[in-house]
Amino acid sequence: PNGTLINGTRWPVFTSTEQKYLTLNTDTSEILTKLRAQQCRFWKFFFPKVLEMTGNIDEAEREWKAGFHRWNNYMSDWKNQFNDYTSKKETCAG
């Protein structure tokens, strides 16, 4: 990891800008860059944005539940009134 020569391939010094690394396997060694950069990008940039956007989801959920509860009560009252109306079956006298 300090720039030494391994089997004819120079092991690059790792820097934060280039992020070069040497693959060690039974095939020929390769020098590649930015191991798992996409996965790290998700956790470093995308996930914090998701947390920021959903940080107040508890409050939004409480508001939604309260609104749903009001609507549900309204629908129950409406259904009771409608059932009263249809059970009377008043006819118009004419």
N, C-alpha and C. Protein backbone atom coordinates (compact mmCIF):
# COMPACT_ATOMS: atom_id res chain seq x y z
N PRO A 1 0.80 -1.21 0.00
CA PRO A 1 0.00 0.00 0.00
C PRO A 1 0.84 1.27 0.00
N ASN A 2 2.13 1.12 -0.08
CA ASN A 2 2.99 2.31 -0.03
C ASN A 2 3.73 2.55 -1.34
N GLY A 3 3.15 2.10 -2.44
CA GLY A 3 3.78 2.31 -3.73
C GLY A 3 4.78 1.25 -4.12
N THR A 4 4.82 0.12 -3.41
CA THR A 4 5.78 -0.95 -3.71
C THR A 4 5.32 -1.77 -4.91
N LEU A 5 6.28 -2.51 -5.49
CA LEU A 5 6.02 -3.33 -6.67
C LEU A 5 5.62 -4.73 -6.23
N ILE A 6 4.45 -5.23 -6.70
CA ILE A 6 3.97 -6.57 -6.37
C ILE A 6 3.74 -7.31 -7.68
N ASN A 7 4.47 -8.39 -7.92
CA ASN A 7 4.32 -9.20 -9.15
C ASN A 7 4.27 -8.33 -10.40
N GLY A 8 5.12 -7.36 -10.50
CA GLY A 8 5.19 -6.52 -11.69
C GLY A 8 4.18 -5.39 -11.71
N THR A 9 3.33 -5.30 -10.73
CA THR A 9 2.33 -4.23 -10.66
C THR A 9 2.64 -3.35 -9.45
N ARG A 10 2.71 -2.07 -9.69
CA ARG A 10 3.00 -1.15 -8.59
C ARG A 10 1.72 -0.90 -7.79
N TRP A 11 1.80 -1.18 -6.50
CA TRP A 11 0.66 -0.95 -5.60
C TRP A 11 0.58 0.55 -5.36
N PRO A 12 -0.49 1.20 -5.82
CA PRO A 12 -0.55 2.66 -5.73
C PRO A 12 -0.79 3.14 -4.30
N VAL A 13 -0.24 4.29 -4.01
CA VAL A 13 -0.52 4.93 -2.73
C VAL A 13 -1.96 5.45 -2.81
N PHE A 14 -2.76 5.16 -1.79
CA PHE A 14 -4.16 5.59 -1.78
C PHE A 14 -4.23 7.06 -1.40
N THR A 15 -4.94 7.82 -2.22
CA THR A 15 -5.19 9.23 -1.90
C THR A 15 -6.70 9.46 -1.95
N SER A 16 -7.17 10.44 -1.22
CA SER A 16 -8.62 10.69 -1.18
C SER A 16 -9.14 11.20 -2.52
N THR A 17 -8.30 11.83 -3.32
CA THR A 17 -8.78 12.34 -4.60
C THR A 17 -8.83 11.25 -5.67
N GLU A 18 -7.78 10.45 -5.80
CA GLU A 18 -7.77 9.41 -6.84
C GLU A 18 -8.40 8.11 -6.39
N GLN A 19 -8.24 7.75 -5.13
CA GLN A 19 -8.81 6.54 -4.54
C GLN A 19 -8.46 5.27 -5.34
N LYS A 20 -7.20 5.15 -5.72
CA LYS A 20 -6.75 3.96 -6.45
C LYS A 20 -6.50 2.83 -5.47
N TYR A 21 -6.80 1.61 -5.91
CA TYR A 21 -6.52 0.43 -5.09
C TYR A 21 -6.11 -0.72 -5.99
N LEU A 22 -5.46 -1.71 -5.40
CA LEU A 22 -4.96 -2.87 -6.13
C LEU A 22 -5.85 -4.06 -5.80
N THR A 23 -6.36 -4.74 -6.83
CA THR A 23 -7.15 -5.95 -6.58
C THR A 23 -6.20 -7.10 -6.34
N LEU A 24 -6.49 -7.88 -5.33
CA LEU A 24 -5.66 -9.04 -5.00
C LEU A 24 -6.51 -10.29 -5.20
N ASN A 25 -6.17 -11.07 -6.23
CA ASN A 25 -6.90 -12.31 -6.50
C ASN A 25 -5.99 -13.28 -7.23
N THR A 26 -6.53 -14.41 -7.65
CA THR A 26 -5.72 -15.42 -8.33
C THR A 26 -5.41 -15.04 -9.78
N ASP A 27 -6.20 -14.14 -10.36
CA ASP A 27 -5.92 -13.65 -11.71
C ASP A 27 -4.87 -12.55 -11.61
N THR A 28 -4.64 -11.88 -12.71
CA THR A 28 -3.67 -10.79 -12.68
C THR A 28 -4.24 -9.63 -11.87
N SER A 29 -3.37 -9.00 -11.13
CA SER A 29 -3.80 -7.87 -10.31
C SER A 29 -4.11 -6.68 -11.18
N GLU A 30 -5.07 -5.90 -10.74
CA GLU A 30 -5.46 -4.69 -11.47
C GLU A 30 -5.47 -3.52 -10.52
N ILE A 31 -5.23 -2.35 -11.08
CA ILE A 31 -5.38 -1.12 -10.31
C ILE A 31 -6.71 -0.50 -10.74
N LEU A 32 -7.58 -0.33 -9.79
CA LEU A 32 -8.90 0.25 -10.04
C LEU A 32 -9.07 1.48 -9.15
N THR A 33 -10.18 2.18 -9.36
CA THR A 33 -10.41 3.39 -8.55
C THR A 33 -11.80 3.38 -7.95
N LYS A 34 -11.92 4.06 -6.85
CA LYS A 34 -13.18 4.36 -6.18
C LYS A 34 -14.05 3.14 -5.91
N LEU A 35 -13.52 2.24 -5.10
CA LEU A 35 -14.24 1.04 -4.70
C LEU A 35 -15.53 1.42 -3.97
N ARG A 36 -16.64 0.90 -4.45
CA ARG A 36 -17.97 1.12 -3.86
C ARG A 36 -18.35 2.60 -3.78
N ALA A 37 -17.91 3.38 -4.73
CA ALA A 37 -18.22 4.81 -4.71
C ALA A 37 -19.72 5.07 -4.82
N GLN A 38 -20.41 4.28 -5.66
CA GLN A 38 -21.86 4.48 -5.82
C GLN A 38 -22.60 4.18 -4.52
N GLN A 39 -22.22 3.10 -3.84
CA GLN A 39 -22.89 2.76 -2.58
C GLN A 39 -22.63 3.84 -1.53
N CYS A 40 -21.41 4.32 -1.48
CA CYS A 40 -21.08 5.36 -0.51
C CYS A 40 -21.80 6.66 -0.84
N ARG A 41 -21.96 6.92 -2.13
CA ARG A 41 -22.66 8.13 -2.55
C ARG A 41 -24.10 8.11 -2.05
N PHE A 42 -24.73 6.96 -2.11
CA PHE A 42 -26.10 6.83 -1.61
C PHE A 42 -26.17 7.27 -0.15
N TRP A 43 -25.28 6.71 0.68
CA TRP A 43 -25.33 7.00 2.11
C TRP A 43 -24.86 8.41 2.44
N LYS A 44 -23.95 8.94 1.65
CA LYS A 44 -23.38 10.25 1.96
C LYS A 44 -24.25 11.40 1.44
N PHE A 45 -24.90 11.23 0.28
CA PHE A 45 -25.64 12.34 -0.32
C PHE A 45 -27.15 12.12 -0.38
N PHE A 46 -27.59 10.97 -0.86
CA PHE A 46 -29.02 10.75 -1.08
C PHE A 46 -29.77 10.51 0.23
N PHE A 47 -29.27 9.62 1.08
CA PHE A 47 -29.98 9.25 2.30
C PHE A 47 -30.20 10.45 3.23
N PRO A 48 -29.22 11.33 3.43
CA PRO A 48 -29.49 12.52 4.26
C PRO A 48 -30.61 13.38 3.70
N LYS A 49 -30.74 13.45 2.37
CA LYS A 49 -31.84 14.22 1.77
C LYS A 49 -33.18 13.57 2.07
N VAL A 50 -33.22 12.24 2.03
CA VAL A 50 -34.45 11.52 2.37
C VAL A 50 -34.84 11.81 3.81
N LEU A 51 -33.87 11.76 4.71
CA LEU A 51 -34.15 12.05 6.12
C LEU A 51 -34.64 13.48 6.30
N GLU A 52 -34.05 14.40 5.56
CA GLU A 52 -34.45 15.80 5.65
C GLU A 52 -35.89 15.99 5.19
N MET A 53 -36.26 15.31 4.10
CA MET A 53 -37.61 15.45 3.56
C MET A 53 -38.66 14.75 4.41
N THR A 54 -38.27 13.69 5.09
CA THR A 54 -39.25 12.93 5.87
C THR A 54 -39.07 13.14 7.37
N GLY A 55 -38.25 14.10 7.75
CA GLY A 55 -37.98 14.33 9.16
C GLY A 55 -39.22 14.67 9.96
N ASN A 56 -40.16 15.39 9.37
CA ASN A 56 -41.36 15.78 10.09
C ASN A 56 -42.56 14.92 9.70
N ILE A 57 -42.31 13.69 9.30
CA ILE A 57 -43.39 12.80 8.86
C ILE A 57 -44.34 12.48 10.01
N ASP A 58 -43.83 12.47 11.25
CA ASP A 58 -44.70 12.19 12.39
C ASP A 58 -45.82 13.23 12.50
N GLU A 59 -45.46 14.50 12.33
CA GLU A 59 -46.46 15.57 12.39
C GLU A 59 -47.45 15.44 11.24
N ALA A 60 -46.95 15.17 10.04
CA ALA A 60 -47.84 15.00 8.88
C ALA A 60 -48.77 13.82 9.09
N GLU A 61 -48.25 12.75 9.66
CA GLU A 61 -49.08 11.57 9.91
C GLU A 61 -50.16 11.88 10.94
N ARG A 62 -49.80 12.62 11.99
CA ARG A 62 -50.80 13.00 13.00
C ARG A 62 -51.91 13.85 12.38
N GLU A 63 -51.52 14.80 11.53
CA GLU A 63 -52.51 15.65 10.87
C GLU A 63 -53.41 14.82 9.97
N TRP A 64 -52.83 13.89 9.23
CA TRP A 64 -53.63 13.04 8.35
C TRP A 64 -54.61 12.20 9.15
N LYS A 65 -54.14 11.61 10.25
CA LYS A 65 -55.01 10.78 11.08
C LYS A 65 -56.15 11.60 11.66
N ALA A 66 -55.87 12.82 12.11
CA ALA A 66 -56.92 13.68 12.65
C ALA A 66 -57.93 14.02 11.57
N GLY A 67 -57.46 14.34 10.38
CA GLY A 67 -58.36 14.64 9.26
C GLY A 67 -59.19 13.43 8.88
N PHE A 68 -58.58 12.27 8.86
CA PHE A 68 -59.31 11.05 8.54
C PHE A 68 -60.37 10.77 9.60
N HIS A 69 -60.03 10.98 10.85
CA HIS A 69 -60.98 10.76 11.95
C HIS A 69 -62.19 11.70 11.80
N ARG A 70 -61.93 12.98 11.48
CA ARG A 70 -63.04 13.93 11.26
C ARG A 70 -63.91 13.48 10.10
N TRP A 71 -63.29 13.08 9.00
CA TRP A 71 -64.03 12.62 7.82
C TRP A 71 -64.85 11.37 8.17
N ASN A 72 -64.26 10.44 8.90
CA ASN A 72 -64.95 9.20 9.26
C ASN A 72 -66.17 9.49 10.13
N ASN A 73 -66.03 10.41 11.09
CA ASN A 73 -67.18 10.80 11.92
C ASN A 73 -68.26 11.47 11.07
N TYR A 74 -67.85 12.33 10.16
CA TYR A 74 -68.80 13.00 9.28
C TYR A 74 -69.57 11.97 8.46
N MET A 75 -68.85 10.99 7.91
CA MET A 75 -69.52 9.97 7.09
C MET A 75 -70.49 9.14 7.94
N SER A 76 -70.13 8.84 9.18
CA SER A 76 -71.03 8.08 10.05
C SER A 76 -72.29 8.89 10.33
N ASP A 77 -72.12 10.18 10.63
CA ASP A 77 -73.29 11.04 10.86
C ASP A 77 -74.15 11.13 9.61
N TRP A 78 -73.52 11.29 8.46
CA TRP A 78 -74.27 11.39 7.21
C TRP A 78 -75.06 10.11 6.98
N LYS A 79 -74.42 8.96 7.20
CA LYS A 79 -75.09 7.68 6.98
C LYS A 79 -76.28 7.54 7.92
N ASN A 80 -76.14 7.94 9.18
CA ASN A 80 -77.26 7.87 10.12
C ASN A 80 -78.41 8.76 9.66
N GLN A 81 -78.10 9.97 9.23
CA GLN A 81 -79.14 10.88 8.75
C GLN A 81 -79.82 10.32 7.51
N PHE A 82 -79.04 9.76 6.61
CA PHE A 82 -79.60 9.18 5.38
C PHE A 82 -80.49 7.99 5.71
N ASN A 83 -80.06 7.14 6.65
CA ASN A 83 -80.88 6.00 7.05
C ASN A 83 -82.19 6.46 7.67
N ASP A 84 -82.15 7.52 8.49
CA ASP A 84 -83.39 8.08 9.05
C ASP A 84 -84.31 8.54 7.93
N TYR A 85 -83.75 9.25 6.97
CA TYR A 85 -84.54 9.78 5.86
C TYR A 85 -85.19 8.65 5.07
N THR A 86 -84.43 7.62 4.74
CA THR A 86 -84.99 6.54 3.91
C THR A 86 -85.95 5.66 4.70
N SER A 87 -85.79 5.57 6.01
CA SER A 87 -86.70 4.72 6.79
C SER A 87 -88.07 5.36 6.95
N LYS A 88 -88.15 6.67 6.90
CA LYS A 88 -89.44 7.36 7.06
C LYS A 88 -90.27 7.24 5.80
N LYS A 89 -89.63 7.19 4.67
CA LYS A 89 -90.29 7.05 3.37
C LYS A 89 -91.50 7.98 3.26
N GLU A 90 -91.25 9.22 3.57
CA GLU A 90 -92.33 10.19 3.47
C GLU A 90 -92.67 10.40 2.00
N THR A 91 -93.92 10.53 1.76
CA THR A 91 -94.36 10.79 0.39
C THR A 91 -94.96 12.18 0.33
N CYS A 92 -94.88 12.74 -0.82
CA CYS A 92 -95.45 14.07 -1.02
C CYS A 92 -96.95 13.91 -1.26
N ALA A 93 -97.73 14.62 -0.49
CA ALA A 93 -99.19 14.57 -0.71
C ALA A 93 -99.53 15.65 -1.72
N GLY A 94 -100.26 15.29 -2.69
CA GLY A 94 -100.52 16.30 -3.69
C GLY A 94 -101.87 16.34 -4.24
